[in-house]
């Protein structure tokens, strides 16, 4: 079986050197695929080598590791956060980290974290929390953002500006309040999973809407929803009850 690939992201030269040495000496089940020292180099490296595991320093001056996530192409990886600050522990775990190592890093704790990652990868378990986080990245200010992979490049958008999403086979059209539309390379199901906790609801097999942008419900022709932008979206019969219940919570 081939060795799992590890990427180390650390902006302090001495820490970077030490972590690399520890992994090489005490974690024979993995191989180091590269080392990065900033948000920019981390994004380029991770998207290029597609590692199984990332040892990720939280503070990366300027910015921090959470600036990396919206720019990643790959959602299937394990993250082990490293930092000198205990305050990040709870937040790190909530965001889908496999483990959390406090600097100075203890060799035994590092080995246990790597072993845990290897075991999880071998079992082919999906990191649901991290996948969700990468899709619905929330900045430290609390505003939700999402990365949209289009034919022109990657668009970083505010979730609250999205009116609706429409399925186009394996692609999805994303419509914004200002009239902008982007065709993206992900299917509607992926957006449904990432946006369902952000006031989005799948009215129909082909339509996911922002509930805060609903103008009215129309009974005619089996039922449909008119959005504030004037578009009318059909609603599936088996989803009406849930739609009305969700709308009540927004009143």
C-alpha atoms as a PDB file:
ATOM      1  CA  UNK A   1       0.000   0.000   0.000  1.00  0.00           C
ATOM      2  CA  UNK A   2       1.367   3.443  -0.918  1.00  0.00           C
ATOM      3  CA  UNK A   3       2.250   5.880   1.835  1.00  0.00           C
ATOM      4  CA  UNK A   4      -0.202   8.636   2.680  1.00  0.00           C
ATOM      5  CA  UNK A   5       0.884  12.121   1.625  1.00  0.00           C
ATOM      6  CA  UNK A   6       1.355  14.840   4.238  1.00  0.00           C
ATOM      7  CA  UNK A   7       1.670  18.585   3.698  1.00  0.00           C
ATOM      8  CA  UNK A   8       3.063  20.820   6.446  1.00  0.00           C
ATOM      9  CA  UNK A   9       1.892  24.433   6.638  1.00  0.00           C
ATOM     10  CA  UNK A  10       3.886  26.505   9.115  1.00  0.00           C
ATOM     11  CA  UNK A  11       5.123  30.109   8.884  1.00  0.00           C
ATOM     12  CA  UNK A  12       7.851  29.887  11.545  1.00  0.00           C
ATOM     13  CA  UNK A  13      11.094  28.484  10.031  1.00  0.00           C
ATOM     14  CA  UNK A  14      12.253  26.661  13.158  1.00  0.00           C
ATOM     15  CA  UNK A  15       8.857  25.108  13.839  1.00  0.00           C
ATOM     16  CA  UNK A  16       8.588  24.114  10.189  1.00  0.00           C
ATOM     17  CA  UNK A  17      11.955  22.418  10.306  1.00  0.00           C
ATOM     18  CA  UNK A  18      11.175  20.655  13.599  1.00  0.00           C
ATOM     19  CA  UNK A  19       7.759  19.322  12.526  1.00  0.00           C
ATOM     20  CA  UNK A  20       9.216  18.056   9.249  1.00  0.00           C
ATOM     21  CA  UNK A  21      11.987  16.255  11.098  1.00  0.00           C
ATOM     22  CA  UNK A  22       9.574  14.699  13.612  1.00  0.00           C
ATOM     23  CA  UNK A  23       7.296  13.375  10.883  1.00  0.00           C
ATOM     24  CA  UNK A  24      10.241  11.945   8.926  1.00  0.00           C
ATOM     25  CA  UNK A  25      11.712  10.250  11.998  1.00  0.00           C
ATOM     26  CA  UNK A  26       8.644   8.993  13.856  1.00  0.00           C
ATOM     27  CA  UNK A  27       5.847   8.557  11.305  1.00  0.00           C
ATOM     28  CA  UNK A  28       7.013   5.941   8.772  1.00  0.00           C
ATOM     29  CA  UNK A  29       3.495   5.324   7.442  1.00  0.00           C
ATOM     30  CA  UNK A  30       3.400   8.716   5.718  1.00  0.00           C
ATOM     31  CA  UNK A  31       5.569  10.716   3.350  1.00  0.00           C
ATOM     32  CA  UNK A  32       5.981  14.500   3.244  1.00  0.00           C
ATOM     33  CA  UNK A  33       4.658  15.798  -0.081  1.00  0.00           C
ATOM     34  CA  UNK A  34       5.621  19.405   0.543  1.00  0.00           C
ATOM     35  CA  UNK A  35       5.985  22.299   2.976  1.00  0.00           C
ATOM     36  CA  UNK A  36       4.323  25.726   2.804  1.00  0.00           C
ATOM     37  CA  UNK A  37       4.867  28.917   4.806  1.00  0.00           C
ATOM     38  CA  UNK A  38       1.849  31.115   3.927  1.00  0.00           C
ATOM     39  CA  UNK A  39      -1.779  31.076   2.860  1.00  0.00           C
ATOM     40  CA  UNK A  40      -0.806  31.561  -0.789  1.00  0.00           C
ATOM     41  CA  UNK A  41       1.831  28.824  -0.906  1.00  0.00           C
ATOM     42  CA  UNK A  42      -0.402  26.465   1.088  1.00  0.00           C
ATOM     43  CA  UNK A  43      -3.277  26.827  -1.379  1.00  0.00           C
ATOM     44  CA  UNK A  44      -0.978  26.232  -4.343  1.00  0.00           C
ATOM     45  CA  UNK A  45       0.700  23.219  -2.727  1.00  0.00           C
ATOM     46  CA  UNK A  46      -2.476  21.521  -1.462  1.00  0.00           C
ATOM     47  CA  UNK A  47      -4.277  21.944  -4.776  1.00  0.00           C
ATOM     48  CA  UNK A  48      -1.204  20.643  -6.613  1.00  0.00           C
ATOM     49  CA  UNK A  49      -0.225  17.553  -4.597  1.00  0.00           C
ATOM     50  CA  UNK A  50      -3.673  16.696  -3.147  1.00  0.00           C
ATOM     51  CA  UNK A  51      -2.436  15.385   0.211  1.00  0.00           C
ATOM     52  CA  UNK A  52      -4.256  12.970   2.505  1.00  0.00           C
ATOM     53  CA  UNK A  53      -3.242  14.854   5.645  1.00  0.00           C
ATOM     54  CA  UNK A  54      -2.385  18.491   6.348  1.00  0.00           C
ATOM     55  CA  UNK A  55      -0.505  19.596   9.463  1.00  0.00           C
ATOM     56  CA  UNK A  56      -1.810  23.128   9.587  1.00  0.00           C
ATOM     57  CA  UNK A  57      -0.604  26.045  11.692  1.00  0.00           C
ATOM     58  CA  UNK A  58      -3.567  28.273  12.570  1.00  0.00           C
ATOM     59  CA  UNK A  59      -1.761  31.625  12.661  1.00  0.00           C
ATOM     60  CA  UNK A  60      -0.181  32.411   9.292  1.00  0.00           C
ATOM     61  CA  UNK A  61       0.932  36.016   9.164  1.00  0.00           C
ATOM     62  CA  UNK A  62      -0.683  37.821   7.466  1.00  0.00           C
ATOM     63  CA  UNK A  63      -4.020  36.082   7.954  1.00  0.00           C
ATOM     64  CA  UNK A  64      -4.693  32.592   9.279  1.00  0.00           C
ATOM     65  CA  UNK A  65      -5.328  29.092   8.031  1.00  0.00           C
ATOM     66  CA  UNK A  66      -9.070  29.681   7.614  1.00  0.00           C
ATOM     67  CA  UNK A  67      -8.239  31.907   4.639  1.00  0.00           C
ATOM     68  CA  UNK A  68      -6.997  28.760   2.877  1.00  0.00           C
ATOM     69  CA  UNK A  69     -10.179  26.705   2.891  1.00  0.00           C
ATOM     70  CA  UNK A  70     -12.335  28.647   0.395  1.00  0.00           C
ATOM     71  CA  UNK A  71      -9.576  28.321  -2.190  1.00  0.00           C
ATOM     72  CA  UNK A  72      -9.137  24.546  -2.037  1.00  0.00           C
ATOM     73  CA  UNK A  73     -10.215  22.279  -4.881  1.00  0.00           C
ATOM     74  CA  UNK A  74     -10.119  19.097  -2.825  1.00  0.00           C
ATOM     75  CA  UNK A  75     -12.541  18.426   0.000  1.00  0.00           C
ATOM     76  CA  UNK A  76     -11.313  14.972   0.965  1.00  0.00           C
ATOM     77  CA  UNK A  77      -8.427  15.374   3.411  1.00  0.00           C
ATOM     78  CA  UNK A  78      -7.688  15.196   7.125  1.00  0.00           C
ATOM     79  CA  UNK A  79      -6.548  18.291   9.023  1.00  0.00           C
ATOM     80  CA  UNK A  80      -4.403  18.281  12.155  1.00  0.00           C
ATOM     81  CA  UNK A  81      -4.197  21.827  13.490  1.00  0.00           C
ATOM     82  CA  UNK A  82      -1.035  23.044  15.216  1.00  0.00           C
ATOM     83  CA  UNK A  83      -0.761  26.236  17.259  1.00  0.00           C
ATOM     84  CA  UNK A  84       0.698  27.834  20.348  1.00  0.00           C
ATOM     85  CA  UNK A  85      -2.711  29.199  21.366  1.00  0.00           C
ATOM     86  CA  UNK A  86      -5.139  27.100  23.399  1.00  0.00           C
ATOM     87  CA  UNK A  87      -8.039  29.408  22.546  1.00  0.00           C
ATOM     88  CA  UNK A  88      -8.379  27.863  19.105  1.00  0.00           C
ATOM     89  CA  UNK A  89      -8.945  24.293  20.330  1.00  0.00           C
ATOM     90  CA  UNK A  90     -12.734  24.208  20.494  1.00  0.00           C
ATOM     91  CA  UNK A  91     -13.180  26.149  17.262  1.00  0.00           C
ATOM     92  CA  UNK A  92     -10.689  23.910  15.471  1.00  0.00           C
ATOM     93  CA  UNK A  93     -12.481  20.717  16.445  1.00  0.00           C
ATOM     94  CA  UNK A  94     -15.876  22.172  15.499  1.00  0.00           C
ATOM     95  CA  UNK A  95     -14.526  23.041  12.061  1.00  0.00           C
ATOM     96  CA  UNK A  96     -13.771  19.416  11.333  1.00  0.00           C
ATOM     97  CA  UNK A  97     -10.196  18.944  12.480  1.00  0.00           C
ATOM     98  CA  UNK A  98      -9.111  15.363  13.025  1.00  0.00           C
ATOM     99  CA  UNK A  99      -6.871  16.472  15.886  1.00  0.00           C
ATOM    100  CA  UNK A 100      -5.275  19.481  17.548  1.00  0.00           C
ATOM    101  CA  UNK A 101      -1.632  19.735  18.620  1.00  0.00           C
ATOM    102  CA  UNK A 102      -0.407  22.436  20.965  1.00  0.00           C
ATOM    103  CA  UNK A 103       3.114  23.757  20.458  1.00  0.00           C
ATOM    104  CA  UNK A 104       5.724  22.759  21.388  1.00  0.00           C
ATOM    105  CA  UNK A 105       4.499  19.564  19.771  1.00  0.00           C
ATOM    106  CA  UNK A 106       4.889  16.365  21.758  1.00  0.00           C
ATOM    107  CA  UNK A 107       6.253  13.455  19.706  1.00  0.00           C
ATOM    108  CA  UNK A 108       3.794  10.936  21.121  1.00  0.00           C
ATOM    109  CA  UNK A 109       0.834  13.214  20.468  1.00  0.00           C
ATOM    110  CA  UNK A 110       2.010  13.751  16.899  1.00  0.00           C
ATOM    111  CA  UNK A 111       2.353  10.004  16.341  1.00  0.00           C
ATOM    112  CA  UNK A 112      -1.127   9.384  17.749  1.00  0.00           C
ATOM    113  CA  UNK A 113      -2.627  12.079  15.529  1.00  0.00           C
ATOM    114  CA  UNK A 114      -0.946  10.677  12.407  1.00  0.00           C
ATOM    115  CA  UNK A 115      -2.008   7.130  13.344  1.00  0.00           C
ATOM    116  CA  UNK A 116      -5.573   8.328  13.745  1.00  0.00           C
ATOM    117  CA  UNK A 117      -5.442   9.923  10.288  1.00  0.00           C
ATOM    118  CA  UNK A 118      -3.978   6.789   8.712  1.00  0.00           C
ATOM    119  CA  UNK A 119      -6.647   4.620  10.322  1.00  0.00           C
ATOM    120  CA  UNK A 120      -9.419   6.896   9.137  1.00  0.00           C
ATOM    121  CA  UNK A 121      -8.074   7.080   5.598  1.00  0.00           C
ATOM    122  CA  UNK A 122      -7.683   3.296   5.489  1.00  0.00           C
ATOM    123  CA  UNK A 123     -11.326   2.921   6.500  1.00  0.00           C
ATOM    124  CA  UNK A 124     -12.218   5.431   3.776  1.00  0.00           C
ATOM    125  CA  UNK A 125     -14.323   7.437   6.213  1.00  0.00           C
ATOM    126  CA  UNK A 126     -15.533  10.752   4.868  1.00  0.00           C
ATOM    127  CA  UNK A 127     -14.680  13.857   6.875  1.00  0.00           C
ATOM    128  CA  UNK A 128     -18.215  15.225   6.801  1.00  0.00           C
ATOM    129  CA  UNK A 129     -17.561  18.171   9.116  1.00  0.00           C
ATOM    130  CA  UNK A 130     -14.565  19.375   7.157  1.00  0.00           C
ATOM    131  CA  UNK A 131     -16.298  18.896   3.825  1.00  0.00           C
ATOM    132  CA  UNK A 132     -19.210  20.979   5.043  1.00  0.00           C
ATOM    133  CA  UNK A 133     -16.860  23.653   6.330  1.00  0.00           C
ATOM    134  CA  UNK A 134     -14.882  23.887   3.105  1.00  0.00           C
ATOM    135  CA  UNK A 135     -18.083  24.399   1.179  1.00  0.00           C
ATOM    136  CA  UNK A 136     -19.666  26.971   3.457  1.00  0.00           C
ATOM    137  CA  UNK A 137     -16.604  28.789   4.802  1.00  0.00           C
ATOM    138  CA  UNK A 138     -17.436  31.312   7.481  1.00  0.00           C
ATOM    139  CA  UNK A 139     -15.059  34.205   8.005  1.00  0.00           C
ATOM    140  CA  UNK A 140     -14.123  35.346  11.489  1.00  0.00           C
ATOM    141  CA  UNK A 141     -16.493  38.280  11.159  1.00  0.00           C
ATOM    142  CA  UNK A 142     -19.386  35.861  10.991  1.00  0.00           C
ATOM    143  CA  UNK A 143     -20.380  36.505   7.378  1.00  0.00           C
ATOM    144  CA  UNK A 144     -20.754  33.281   5.393  1.00  0.00           C
ATOM    145  CA  UNK A 145     -18.827  32.904   2.167  1.00  0.00           C
ATOM    146  CA  UNK A 146     -18.645  30.220  -0.460  1.00  0.00           C
ATOM    147  CA  UNK A 147     -16.218  29.464  -3.273  1.00  0.00           C
ATOM    148  CA  UNK A 148     -17.770  28.918  -6.697  1.00  0.00           C
ATOM    149  CA  UNK A 149     -15.691  27.103  -9.297  1.00  0.00           C
ATOM    150  CA  UNK A 150     -16.705  28.521 -12.681  1.00  0.00           C
ATOM    151  CA  UNK A 151     -15.328  28.174 -16.207  1.00  0.00           C
ATOM    152  CA  UNK A 152     -13.547  31.508 -15.693  1.00  0.00           C
ATOM    153  CA  UNK A 153     -11.986  30.770 -12.319  1.00  0.00           C
ATOM    154  CA  UNK A 154     -13.000  30.772  -8.652  1.00  0.00           C
ATOM    155  CA  UNK A 155     -15.536  33.304  -7.391  1.00  0.00           C
ATOM    156  CA  UNK A 156     -15.666  34.025  -3.636  1.00  0.00           C
ATOM    157  CA  UNK A 157     -19.183  35.132  -2.807  1.00  0.00           C
ATOM    158  CA  UNK A 158     -21.295  36.110   0.167  1.00  0.00           C
ATOM    159  CA  UNK A 159     -23.889  33.397   0.757  1.00  0.00           C
ATOM    160  CA  UNK A 160     -26.486  35.999   1.734  1.00  0.00           C
ATOM    161  CA  UNK A 161     -26.301  37.512  -1.765  1.00  0.00           C
ATOM    162  CA  UNK A 162     -27.398  34.245  -3.408  1.00  0.00           C
ATOM    163  CA  UNK A 163     -31.078  34.124  -4.395  1.00  0.00           C
ATOM    164  CA  UNK A 164     -31.288  30.588  -5.739  1.00  0.00           C
ATOM    165  CA  UNK A 165     -29.425  27.669  -7.280  1.00  0.00           C
ATOM    166  CA  UNK A 166     -30.664  25.718 -10.297  1.00  0.00           C
ATOM    167  CA  UNK A 167     -29.482  22.284 -11.403  1.00  0.00           C
ATOM    168  CA  UNK A 168     -28.120  21.877 -14.915  1.00  0.00           C
ATOM    169  CA  UNK A 169     -27.145  18.204 -14.994  1.00  0.00           C
ATOM    170  CA  UNK A 170     -23.736  17.873 -13.322  1.00  0.00           C
ATOM    171  CA  UNK A 171     -23.498  21.678 -13.129  1.00  0.00           C
ATOM    172  CA  UNK A 172     -25.347  24.336 -11.136  1.00  0.00           C
ATOM    173  CA  UNK A 173     -26.390  27.880 -12.027  1.00  0.00           C
ATOM    174  CA  UNK A 174     -26.072  30.262  -9.071  1.00  0.00           C
ATOM    175  CA  UNK A 175     -28.253  33.400  -9.185  1.00  0.00           C
ATOM    176  CA  UNK A 176     -27.479  36.547  -7.156  1.00  0.00           C
ATOM    177  CA  UNK A 177     -29.570  39.473  -5.937  1.00  0.00           C
ATOM    178  CA  UNK A 178     -27.812  41.858  -8.327  1.00  0.00           C
ATOM    179  CA  UNK A 179     -28.798  39.748 -11.337  1.00  0.00           C
ATOM    180  CA  UNK A 180     -25.415  38.042 -11.717  1.00  0.00           C
ATOM    181  CA  UNK A 181     -25.421  34.357 -12.678  1.00  0.00           C
ATOM    182  CA  UNK A 182     -22.554  31.855 -12.560  1.00  0.00           C
ATOM    183  CA  UNK A 183     -22.455  28.304 -13.893  1.00  0.00           C
ATOM    184  CA  UNK A 184     -20.412  26.188 -11.487  1.00  0.00           C
ATOM    185  CA  UNK A 185     -18.843  22.744 -11.728  1.00  0.00           C
ATOM    186  CA  UNK A 186     -20.537  21.248  -8.656  1.00  0.00           C
ATOM    187  CA  UNK A 187     -23.943  19.567  -8.680  1.00  0.00           C
ATOM    188  CA  UNK A 188     -26.953  20.862  -6.766  1.00  0.00           C
ATOM    189  CA  UNK A 189     -26.725  18.175  -4.070  1.00  0.00           C
ATOM    190  CA  UNK A 190     -23.364  19.502  -2.915  1.00  0.00           C
ATOM    191  CA  UNK A 191     -24.765  23.008  -2.542  1.00  0.00           C
ATOM    192  CA  UNK A 192     -27.798  21.636  -0.716  1.00  0.00           C
ATOM    193  CA  UNK A 193     -25.526  19.966   1.852  1.00  0.00           C
ATOM    194  CA  UNK A 194     -23.413  23.058   2.388  1.00  0.00           C
ATOM    195  CA  UNK A 195     -26.212  25.625   2.501  1.00  0.00           C
ATOM    196  CA  UNK A 196     -29.039  23.830   4.283  1.00  0.00           C
ATOM    197  CA  UNK A 197     -28.102  25.354   7.653  1.00  0.00           C
ATOM    198  CA  UNK A 198     -27.928  28.834   6.125  1.00  0.00           C
ATOM    199  CA  UNK A 199     -31.645  29.297   5.317  1.00  0.00           C
ATOM    200  CA  UNK A 200     -31.556  27.459   1.998  1.00  0.00           C
ATOM    201  CA  UNK A 201     -34.136  24.830   1.084  1.00  0.00           C
ATOM    202  CA  UNK A 202     -34.525  22.477  -1.869  1.00  0.00           C
ATOM    203  CA  UNK A 203     -38.033  23.149  -3.181  1.00  0.00           C
ATOM    204  CA  UNK A 204     -37.726  20.821  -6.126  1.00  0.00           C
ATOM    205  CA  UNK A 205     -35.212  18.359  -7.578  1.00  0.00           C
ATOM    206  CA  UNK A 206     -33.813  21.149  -9.733  1.00  0.00           C
ATOM    207  CA  UNK A 207     -34.116  24.131  -7.407  1.00  0.00           C
ATOM    208  CA  UNK A 208     -32.502  25.260  -4.152  1.00  0.00           C
ATOM    209  CA  UNK A 209     -33.669  28.638  -2.833  1.00  0.00           C
ATOM    210  CA  UNK A 210     -32.668  31.213  -0.235  1.00  0.00           C
ATOM    211  CA  UNK A 211     -35.721  31.297   2.047  1.00  0.00           C
ATOM    212  CA  UNK A 212     -35.021  34.899   3.046  1.00  0.00           C
ATOM    213  CA  UNK A 213     -35.556  35.878  -0.609  1.00  0.00           C
ATOM    214  CA  UNK A 214     -39.058  34.405  -0.864  1.00  0.00           C
ATOM    215  CA  UNK A 215     -41.750  36.956  -1.808  1.00  0.00           C
ATOM    216  CA  UNK A 216     -44.868  34.787  -1.864  1.00  0.00           C
ATOM    217  CA  UNK A 217     -46.344  31.313  -2.246  1.00  0.00           C
ATOM    218  CA  UNK A 218     -48.665  30.807  -5.241  1.00  0.00           C
ATOM    219  CA  UNK A 219     -51.325  28.048  -5.073  1.00  0.00           C
ATOM    220  CA  UNK A 220     -52.065  27.805  -8.814  1.00  0.00           C
ATOM    221  CA  UNK A 221     -50.767  24.943 -10.973  1.00  0.00           C
ATOM    222  CA  UNK A 222     -49.792  22.719  -8.069  1.00  0.00           C
ATOM    223  CA  UNK A 223     -47.971  25.412  -6.152  1.00  0.00           C
ATOM    224  CA  UNK A 224     -44.913  27.546  -6.705  1.00  0.00           C
ATOM    225  CA  UNK A 225     -42.811  30.157  -4.937  1.00  0.00           C
ATOM    226  CA  UNK A 226     -42.156  33.625  -6.270  1.00  0.00           C
ATOM    227  CA  UNK A 227     -38.792  35.083  -5.330  1.00  0.00           C
ATOM    228  CA  UNK A 228     -38.013  38.753  -4.743  1.00  0.00           C
ATOM    229  CA  UNK A 229     -36.208  38.857  -8.087  1.00  0.00           C
ATOM    230  CA  UNK A 230     -39.461  37.875  -9.833  1.00  0.00           C
ATOM    231  CA  UNK A 231     -38.531  34.282 -10.664  1.00  0.00           C
ATOM    232  CA  UNK A 232     -41.128  31.561  -9.985  1.00  0.00           C
ATOM    233  CA  UNK A 233     -39.972  28.174  -8.725  1.00  0.00           C
ATOM    234  CA  UNK A 234     -42.203  25.056  -8.705  1.00  0.00           C
ATOM    235  CA  UNK A 235     -42.471  23.266  -5.373  1.00  0.00           C
ATOM    236  CA  UNK A 236     -42.655  19.484  -5.013  1.00  0.00           C
ATOM    237  CA  UNK A 237     -45.795  18.224  -3.297  1.00  0.00           C
ATOM    238  CA  UNK A 238     -43.837  16.258  -0.704  1.00  0.00           C
ATOM    239  CA  UNK A 239     -41.816  19.331   0.278  1.00  0.00           C
ATOM    240  CA  UNK A 240     -44.612  21.818   0.872  1.00  0.00           C
ATOM    241  CA  UNK A 241     -45.146  21.038   4.540  1.00  0.00           C
ATOM    242  CA  UNK A 242     -41.464  21.391   5.388  1.00  0.00           C
ATOM    243  CA  UNK A 243     -41.264  24.611   3.354  1.00  0.00           C
ATOM    244  CA  UNK A 244     -44.135  26.197   5.304  1.00  0.00           C
ATOM    245  CA  UNK A 245     -42.629  25.117   8.629  1.00  0.00           C
ATOM    246  CA  UNK A 246     -39.257  26.630   7.735  1.00  0.00           C
ATOM    247  CA  UNK A 247     -40.848  29.861   6.587  1.00  0.00           C
ATOM    248  CA  UNK A 248     -42.594  30.176   9.981  1.00  0.00           C
ATOM    249  CA  UNK A 249     -39.224  30.176  11.712  1.00  0.00           C
ATOM    250  CA  UNK A 250     -38.126  33.175   9.647  1.00  0.00           C
ATOM    251  CA  UNK A 251     -41.157  35.307  10.513  1.00  0.00           C
END
